[in-house]
PDB file of N, CA and C in Angstrom:
ATOM      1  N   MET A   1     -51.930   3.246 -20.704  1.00  0.00           N
ATOM      2  CA  MET A   1     -52.358   3.618 -19.664  1.00  0.00           C
ATOM      3  C   MET A   1     -50.897   4.778 -19.807  1.00  0.00           C
ATOM      4  N   ALA A   2     -51.290   6.202 -19.470  1.00  0.00           N
ATOM      5  CA  ALA A   2     -50.591   6.812 -19.326  1.00  0.00           C
ATOM      6  C   ALA A   2     -50.227   7.179 -18.009  1.00  0.00           C
ATOM      7  N   ASP A   3     -48.723   7.372 -17.834  1.00  0.00           N
ATOM      8  CA  ASP A   3     -48.067   7.377 -16.836  1.00  0.00           C
ATOM      9  C   ASP A   3     -48.794   8.816 -15.613  1.00  0.00           C
ATOM     10  N   ARG A   4     -48.972   8.656 -14.685  1.00  0.00           N
ATOM     11  CA  ARG A   4     -49.611  10.051 -13.812  1.00  0.00           C
ATOM     12  C   ARG A   4     -48.423   9.905 -12.927  1.00  0.00           C
ATOM     13  N   GLU A   5     -48.222  11.513 -12.639  1.00  0.00           N
ATOM     14  CA  GLU A   5     -47.156  11.713 -12.203  1.00  0.00           C
ATOM     15  C   GLU A   5     -47.975  12.290 -10.921  1.00  0.00           C
ATOM     16  N   ILE A   6     -47.480  12.188  -9.782  1.00  0.00           N
ATOM     17  CA  ILE A   6     -48.131  12.674  -8.595  1.00  0.00           C
ATOM     18  C   ILE A   6     -46.683  13.237  -7.560  1.00  0.00           C
ATOM     19  N   THR A   7     -47.524  14.529  -7.498  1.00  0.00           N
ATOM     20  CA  THR A   7     -46.659  15.082  -6.251  1.00  0.00           C
ATOM     21  C   THR A   7     -46.584  15.862  -5.017  1.00  0.00           C
ATOM     22  N   CYS A   8     -45.921  15.505  -4.555  1.00  0.00           N
ATOM     23  CA  CYS A   8     -45.904  15.463  -3.028  1.00  0.00           C
ATOM     24  C   CYS A   8     -45.882  16.716  -2.254  1.00  0.00           C
ATOM     25  N   GLN A   9     -46.120  17.554  -1.585  1.00  0.00           N
ATOM     26  CA  GLN A   9     -45.541  18.756  -1.682  1.00  0.00           C
ATOM     27  C   GLN A   9     -45.097  18.511  -0.275  1.00  0.00           C
ATOM     28  N   VAL A  10     -43.864  18.647   0.591  1.00  0.00           N
ATOM     29  CA  VAL A  10     -43.957  18.627   2.035  1.00  0.00           C
ATOM     30  C   VAL A  10     -43.676  20.190   2.557  1.00  0.00           C
ATOM     31  N   LEU A  11     -44.994  19.599   3.941  1.00  0.00           N
ATOM     32  CA  LEU A  11     -45.189  21.210   4.501  1.00  0.00           C
ATOM     33  C   LEU A  11     -44.796  21.729   5.869  1.00  0.00           C
ATOM     34  N   LYS A  12     -44.661  20.148   6.934  1.00  0.00           N
ATOM     35  CA  LYS A  12     -43.305  20.459   7.325  1.00  0.00           C
ATOM     36  C   LYS A  12     -42.972  18.818   8.149  1.00  0.00           C
ATOM     37  N   VAL A  13     -41.844  18.327   8.404  1.00  0.00           N
ATOM     38  CA  VAL A  13     -41.830  17.397   8.838  1.00  0.00           C
ATOM     39  C   VAL A  13     -41.301  17.819  10.395  1.00  0.00           C
ATOM     40  N   PHE A  14     -41.923  16.622  11.125  1.00  0.00           N
ATOM     41  CA  PHE A  14     -42.272  17.013  12.216  1.00  0.00           C
ATOM     42  C   PHE A  14     -41.640  15.867  13.422  1.00  0.00           C
ATOM     43  N   SER A  15     -41.213  14.549  12.256  1.00  0.00           N
ATOM     44  CA  SER A  15     -40.286  13.729  13.479  1.00  0.00           C
ATOM     45  C   SER A  15     -39.764  13.429  12.064  1.00  0.00           C
ATOM     46  N   GLU A  16     -38.216  12.238  12.538  1.00  0.00           N
ATOM     47  CA  GLU A  16     -37.939  11.573  11.077  1.00  0.00           C
ATOM     48  C   GLU A  16     -37.243  11.180  12.279  1.00  0.00           C
ATOM     49  N   LYS A  17     -36.988   9.778  12.073  1.00  0.00           N
ATOM     50  CA  LYS A  17     -36.232   8.194  12.479  1.00  0.00           C
ATOM     51  C   LYS A  17     -35.610   7.736  11.611  1.00  0.00           C
ATOM     52  N   GLN A  18     -34.149   7.648  11.706  1.00  0.00           N
ATOM     53  CA  GLN A  18     -33.377   6.532  10.577  1.00  0.00           C
ATOM     54  C   GLN A  18     -32.677   5.106  11.547  1.00  0.00           C
ATOM     55  N   GLY A  19     -33.481   4.327  10.139  1.00  0.00           N
ATOM     56  CA  GLY A  19     -32.848   3.007  10.313  1.00  0.00           C
ATOM     57  C   GLY A  19     -32.311   2.610   9.331  1.00  0.00           C
ATOM     58  N   ARG A  20     -33.356   1.022   8.847  1.00  0.00           N
ATOM     59  CA  ARG A  20     -32.786   0.493   7.528  1.00  0.00           C
ATOM     60  C   ARG A  20     -33.207   1.247   6.724  1.00  0.00           C
ATOM     61  N   ASN A  21     -34.893   2.048   6.786  1.00  0.00           N
ATOM     62  CA  ASN A  21     -35.027   3.041   6.284  1.00  0.00           C
ATOM     63  C   ASN A  21     -36.139   4.322   7.113  1.00  0.00           C
ATOM     64  N   THR A  22     -35.921   5.224   6.652  1.00  0.00           N
ATOM     65  CA  THR A  22     -36.540   6.933   7.210  1.00  0.00           C
ATOM     66  C   THR A  22     -38.160   6.535   7.395  1.00  0.00           C
ATOM     67  N   VAL A  23     -38.057   6.875   8.445  1.00  0.00           N
ATOM     68  CA  VAL A  23     -39.705   7.240   8.881  1.00  0.00           C
ATOM     69  C   VAL A  23     -40.039   8.331   9.712  1.00  0.00           C
ATOM     70  N   ARG A  24     -41.183   9.268   8.197  1.00  0.00           N
ATOM     71  CA  ARG A  24     -41.130  10.630   8.694  1.00  0.00           C
ATOM     72  C   ARG A  24     -42.392  11.098   9.187  1.00  0.00           C
ATOM     73  N   LEU A  25     -43.456  11.693  10.294  1.00  0.00           N
ATOM     74  CA  LEU A  25     -43.947  12.329  10.277  1.00  0.00           C
ATOM     75  C   LEU A  25     -44.289  13.458  10.246  1.00  0.00           C
ATOM     76  N   GLN A  26     -44.841  14.121   9.122  1.00  0.00           N
ATOM     77  CA  GLN A  26     -44.960  15.425   8.017  1.00  0.00           C
ATOM     78  C   GLN A  26     -46.368  15.531   8.217  1.00  0.00           C
ATOM     79  N   ALA A  27     -46.761  17.178   7.625  1.00  0.00           N
ATOM     80  CA  ALA A  27     -47.489  17.633   6.965  1.00  0.00           C
ATOM     81  C   ALA A  27     -47.415  17.765   5.721  1.00  0.00           C
ATOM     82  N   VAL A  28     -48.536  16.971   4.771  1.00  0.00           N
ATOM     83  CA  VAL A  28     -48.066  16.962   3.226  1.00  0.00           C
ATOM     84  C   VAL A  28     -49.592  17.194   2.097  1.00  0.00           C
ATOM     85  N   LYS A  29     -48.793  18.127   1.313  1.00  0.00           N
ATOM     86  CA  LYS A  29     -50.079  17.835   0.232  1.00  0.00           C
ATOM     87  C   LYS A  29     -49.719  17.102  -0.934  1.00  0.00           C
ATOM     88  N   TRP A  30     -50.983  15.985  -1.565  1.00  0.00           N
ATOM     89  CA  TRP A  30     -50.235  15.454  -2.484  1.00  0.00           C
ATOM     90  C   TRP A  30     -50.956  15.766  -3.606  1.00  0.00           C
ATOM     91  N   GLY A  31     -50.496  16.049  -4.417  1.00  0.00           N
ATOM     92  CA  GLY A  31     -51.276  16.344  -6.189  1.00  0.00           C
ATOM     93  C   GLY A  31     -52.460  17.685  -5.398  1.00  0.00           C
ATOM     94  N   LYS A  32     -53.410  17.161  -5.927  1.00  0.00           N
ATOM     95  CA  LYS A  32     -54.532  18.375  -5.721  1.00  0.00           C
ATOM     96  C   LYS A  32     -55.092  18.417  -4.453  1.00  0.00           C
ATOM     97  N   TYR A  33     -55.477  17.253  -4.138  1.00  0.00           N
ATOM     98  CA  TYR A  33     -55.748  17.293  -2.584  1.00  0.00           C
ATOM     99  C   TYR A  33     -55.515  17.670  -1.411  1.00  0.00           C
ATOM    100  N   PRO A  34     -56.300  18.266  -0.520  1.00  0.00           N
ATOM    101  CA  PRO A  34     -55.961  18.706   1.249  1.00  0.00           C
ATOM    102  C   PRO A  34     -55.008  18.135   1.279  1.00  0.00           C
ATOM    103  N   PRO A  35     -54.547  19.037   2.057  1.00  0.00           N
ATOM    104  CA  PRO A  35     -53.366  18.615   3.298  1.00  0.00           C
ATOM    105  C   PRO A  35     -53.565  17.428   3.923  1.00  0.00           C
ATOM    106  N   VAL A  36     -52.552  16.662   4.652  1.00  0.00           N
ATOM    107  CA  VAL A  36     -52.627  15.720   5.324  1.00  0.00           C
ATOM    108  C   VAL A  36     -51.766  15.351   6.488  1.00  0.00           C
ATOM    109  N   LEU A  37     -51.480  14.587   7.311  1.00  0.00           N
ATOM    110  CA  LEU A  37     -50.374  14.787   8.381  1.00  0.00           C
ATOM    111  C   LEU A  37     -50.599  13.353   7.832  1.00  0.00           C
ATOM    112  N   GLU A  38     -49.508  12.455   8.181  1.00  0.00           N
ATOM    113  CA  GLU A  38     -48.963  10.945   7.507  1.00  0.00           C
ATOM    114  C   GLU A  38     -47.622  10.633   8.256  1.00  0.00           C
ATOM    115  N   LYS A  39     -48.150   9.360   9.074  1.00  0.00           N
ATOM    116  CA  LYS A  39     -46.456   8.803   8.659  1.00  0.00           C
ATOM    117  C   LYS A  39     -45.994   8.222   8.336  1.00  0.00           C
ATOM    118  N   ARG A  40     -45.106   8.251   7.367  1.00  0.00           N
ATOM    119  CA  ARG A  40     -44.164   7.914   5.835  1.00  0.00           C
ATOM    120  C   ARG A  40     -43.079   7.022   6.228  1.00  0.00           C
ATOM    121  N   GLU A  41     -43.178   5.603   5.136  1.00  0.00           N
ATOM    122  CA  GLU A  41     -41.298   5.305   5.144  1.00  0.00           C
ATOM    123  C   GLU A  41     -41.203   5.103   4.299  1.00  0.00           C
ATOM    124  N   TYR A  42     -40.111   5.894   3.840  1.00  0.00           N
ATOM    125  CA  TYR A  42     -38.739   6.813   2.811  1.00  0.00           C
ATOM    126  C   TYR A  42     -37.898   5.050   2.180  1.00  0.00           C
ATOM    127  N   TRP A  43     -37.226   5.322   1.018  1.00  0.00           N
ATOM    128  CA  TRP A  43     -36.451   4.764   1.242  1.00  0.00           C
ATOM    129  C   TRP A  43     -35.614   4.764  -0.144  1.00  0.00           C
ATOM    130  N   TYR A  44     -34.490   4.079  -0.340  1.00  0.00           N
ATOM    131  CA  TYR A  44     -33.724   4.367  -1.242  1.00  0.00           C
ATOM    132  C   TYR A  44     -33.782   3.611  -2.547  1.00  0.00           C
ATOM    133  N   ASP A  45     -33.777   3.910  -4.017  1.00  0.00           N
ATOM    134  CA  ASP A  45     -33.482   2.820  -4.650  1.00  0.00           C
ATOM    135  C   ASP A  45     -32.604   2.931  -5.569  1.00  0.00           C
ATOM    136  N   ASP A  46     -31.660   1.755  -6.758  1.00  0.00           N
ATOM    137  CA  ASP A  46     -30.652   1.182  -6.885  1.00  0.00           C
ATOM    138  C   ASP A  46     -29.835   3.169  -7.128  1.00  0.00           C
ATOM    139  N   SER A  47     -30.196   3.918  -7.669  1.00  0.00           N
ATOM    140  CA  SER A  47     -29.878   5.083  -8.229  1.00  0.00           C
ATOM    141  C   SER A  47     -29.519   5.867  -6.904  1.00  0.00           C
ATOM    142  N   ASP A  48     -30.438   5.804  -5.976  1.00  0.00           N
ATOM    143  CA  ASP A  48     -30.000   6.476  -4.540  1.00  0.00           C
ATOM    144  C   ASP A  48     -30.749   7.627  -4.833  1.00  0.00           C
ATOM    145  N   GLN A  49     -32.266   7.535  -5.566  1.00  0.00           N
ATOM    146  CA  GLN A  49     -33.409   8.487  -5.364  1.00  0.00           C
ATOM    147  C   GLN A  49     -33.881   7.907  -4.159  1.00  0.00           C
ATOM    148  N   GLU A  50     -34.428   8.909  -3.443  1.00  0.00           N
ATOM    149  CA  GLU A  50     -35.409   8.602  -2.424  1.00  0.00           C
ATOM    150  C   GLU A  50     -36.981   8.177  -3.076  1.00  0.00           C
ATOM    151  N   LYS A  51     -37.514   7.230  -2.543  1.00  0.00           N
ATOM    152  CA  LYS A  51     -38.853   6.701  -2.635  1.00  0.00           C
ATOM    153  C   LYS A  51     -39.310   6.745  -1.974  1.00  0.00           C
ATOM    154  N   ALA A  52     -40.940   6.897  -2.200  1.00  0.00           N
ATOM    155  CA  ALA A  52     -41.924   6.878  -0.621  1.00  0.00           C
ATOM    156  C   ALA A  52     -41.951   5.773  -0.955  1.00  0.00           C
ATOM    157  N   GLY A  53     -42.341   5.141   0.545  1.00  0.00           N
ATOM    158  CA  GLY A  53     -43.095   3.961   0.564  1.00  0.00           C
ATOM    159  C   GLY A  53     -44.411   4.128   1.578  1.00  0.00           C
ATOM    160  N   LYS A  54     -44.576   2.756   1.951  1.00  0.00           N
ATOM    161  CA  LYS A  54     -46.049   2.837   2.958  1.00  0.00           C
ATOM    162  C   LYS A  54     -46.257   3.785   3.888  1.00  0.00           C
ATOM    163  N   ALA A  55     -47.520   4.094   4.196  1.00  0.00           N
ATOM    164  CA  ALA A  55     -47.944   4.818   5.344  1.00  0.00           C
ATOM    165  C   ALA A  55     -47.880   4.153   6.597  1.00  0.00           C
ATOM    166  N   LYS A  56     -47.522   4.104   7.580  1.00  0.00           N
ATOM    167  CA  LYS A  56     -47.496   3.811   8.874  1.00  0.00           C
ATOM    168  C   LYS A  56     -48.715   4.166   9.924  1.00  0.00           C
ATOM    169  N   GLY A  57     -48.838   3.504  10.839  1.00  0.00           N
ATOM    170  CA  GLY A  57     -49.994   4.037  12.052  1.00  0.00           C
ATOM    171  C   GLY A  57     -48.976   4.748  12.723  1.00  0.00           C
ATOM    172  N   PHE A  58     -49.613   5.170  13.550  1.00  0.00           N
ATOM    173  CA  PHE A  58     -49.114   6.047  14.713  1.00  0.00           C
ATOM    174  C   PHE A  58     -48.881   5.754  16.309  1.00  0.00           C
ATOM    175  N   ASN A  59     -47.644   5.958  16.809  1.00  0.00           N
ATOM    176  CA  ASN A  59     -47.322   5.239  17.573  1.00  0.00           C
ATOM    177  C   ASN A  59     -47.478   6.182  18.385  1.00  0.00           C
ATOM    178  N   ARG A  60     -47.228   5.898  20.334  1.00  0.00           N
ATOM    179  CA  ARG A  60     -47.667   6.904  20.852  1.00  0.00           C
ATOM    180  C   ARG A  60     -46.564   7.448  21.130  1.00  0.00           C
ATOM    181  N   GLU A  61     -45.540   7.878  20.206  1.00  0.00           N
ATOM    182  CA  GLU A  61     -44.441   8.749  20.120  1.00  0.00           C
ATOM    183  C   GLU A  61     -44.276   9.734  19.203  1.00  0.00           C
ATOM    184  N   ASP A  62     -45.732   9.056  18.845  1.00  0.00           N
ATOM    185  CA  ASP A  62     -46.118   9.678  17.704  1.00  0.00           C
ATOM    186  C   ASP A  62     -47.206  10.673  17.387  1.00  0.00           C
ATOM    187  N   PHE A  63     -48.233  10.387  18.942  1.00  0.00           N
ATOM    188  CA  PHE A  63     -48.883  10.651  19.454  1.00  0.00           C
ATOM    189  C   PHE A  63     -48.883  12.474  20.021  1.00  0.00           C
ATOM    190  N   GLN A  64     -47.800  11.776  20.547  1.00  0.00           N
ATOM    191  CA  GLN A  64     -46.838  13.159  21.994  1.00  0.00           C
ATOM    192  C   GLN A  64     -46.316  13.886  20.810  1.00  0.00           C
ATOM    193  N   VAL A  65     -45.624  14.304  19.566  1.00  0.00           N
ATOM    194  CA  VAL A  65     -45.078  15.444  18.676  1.00  0.00           C
ATOM    195  C   VAL A  65     -46.139  15.631  18.903  1.00  0.00           C
ATOM    196  N   ILE A  66     -47.367  14.530  17.990  1.00  0.00           N
ATOM    197  CA  ILE A  66     -48.908  15.427  17.525  1.00  0.00           C
ATOM    198  C   ILE A  66     -49.261  16.869  18.520  1.00  0.00           C
ATOM    199  N   ILE A  67     -49.547  16.112  20.277  1.00  0.00           N
ATOM    200  CA  ILE A  67     -50.224  16.834  20.931  1.00  0.00           C
ATOM    201  C   ILE A  67     -48.729  18.258  21.146  1.00  0.00           C
ATOM    202  N   ASP A  68     -47.477  17.985  21.210  1.00  0.00           N
ATOM    203  CA  ASP A  68     -46.999  18.852  21.567  1.00  0.00           C
ATOM    204  C   ASP A  68     -47.262  20.296  20.042  1.00  0.00           C
ATOM    205  N   ASN A  69     -47.718  19.498  19.054  1.00  0.00           N
ATOM    206  CA  ASN A  69     -47.878  20.676  17.959  1.00  0.00           C
ATOM    207  C   ASN A  69     -49.079  20.786  17.374  1.00  0.00           C
ATOM    208  N   ALA A  70     -49.356  20.564  18.335  1.00  0.00           N
ATOM    209  CA  ALA A  70     -51.383  19.895  17.584  1.00  0.00           C
ATOM    210  C   ALA A  70     -51.970  21.601  17.080  1.00  0.00           C
ATOM    211  N   GLN A  71     -51.612  22.972  17.622  1.00  0.00           N
ATOM    212  CA  GLN A  71     -51.678  24.261  16.974  1.00  0.00           C
ATOM    213  C   GLN A  71     -50.964  24.975  15.320  1.00  0.00           C
ATOM    214  N   GLU A  72     -49.488  23.883  14.463  1.00  0.00           N
ATOM    215  CA  GLU A  72     -49.150  24.326  13.506  1.00  0.00           C
ATOM    216  C   GLU A  72     -49.873  23.541  13.396  1.00  0.00           C
ATOM    217  N   ILE A  73     -50.076  22.066  13.460  1.00  0.00           N
ATOM    218  CA  ILE A  73     -50.575  21.070  13.040  1.00  0.00           C
ATOM    219  C   ILE A  73     -51.664  21.918  12.224  1.00  0.00           C
ATOM    220  N   GLN A  74     -52.917  21.876  12.840  1.00  0.00           N
ATOM    221  CA  GLN A  74     -54.364  22.363  12.407  1.00  0.00           C
ATOM    222  C   GLN A  74     -54.080  23.481  11.027  1.00  0.00           C
ATOM    223  N   ASN A  75     -52.831  24.406  11.521  1.00  0.00           N
ATOM    224  CA  ASN A  75     -53.192  25.235  11.214  1.00  0.00           C
ATOM    225  C   ASN A  75     -52.329  24.969   9.367  1.00  0.00           C
ATOM    226  N   LEU A  76     -52.050  24.494   9.277  1.00  0.00           N
ATOM    227  CA  LEU A  76     -51.039  23.570   7.610  1.00  0.00           C
ATOM    228  C   LEU A  76     -52.965  22.890   7.382  1.00  0.00           C
ATOM    229  N   LEU A  77     -52.782  22.348   8.758  1.00  0.00           N
ATOM    230  CA  LEU A  77     -53.651  21.477   7.161  1.00  0.00           C
ATOM    231  C   LEU A  77     -55.474  22.192   6.972  1.00  0.00           C
ATOM    232  N   GLN A  78     -55.337  23.687   7.345  1.00  0.00           N
ATOM    233  CA  GLN A  78     -56.550  24.194   6.201  1.00  0.00           C
ATOM    234  C   GLN A  78     -56.673  24.498   5.036  1.00  0.00           C
TER     235      GLN A  78
END
């Protein structure tokens, strides 16, 4: 099977938390699919290249960020 290249266009990062890994709440467009709002973990491989990890669920803090930015999020997801 041929390797598929999946591209991700970050439209806007609404929040970012640094810890063992970085977690971002962001509007993104994956490949040919419509834009989505996601919270995703990012980590660095041995060559210091950032890699996308698993998507995460929203918590109360995330929900407040979404409420505060609802109109902009709605516009980005159109």
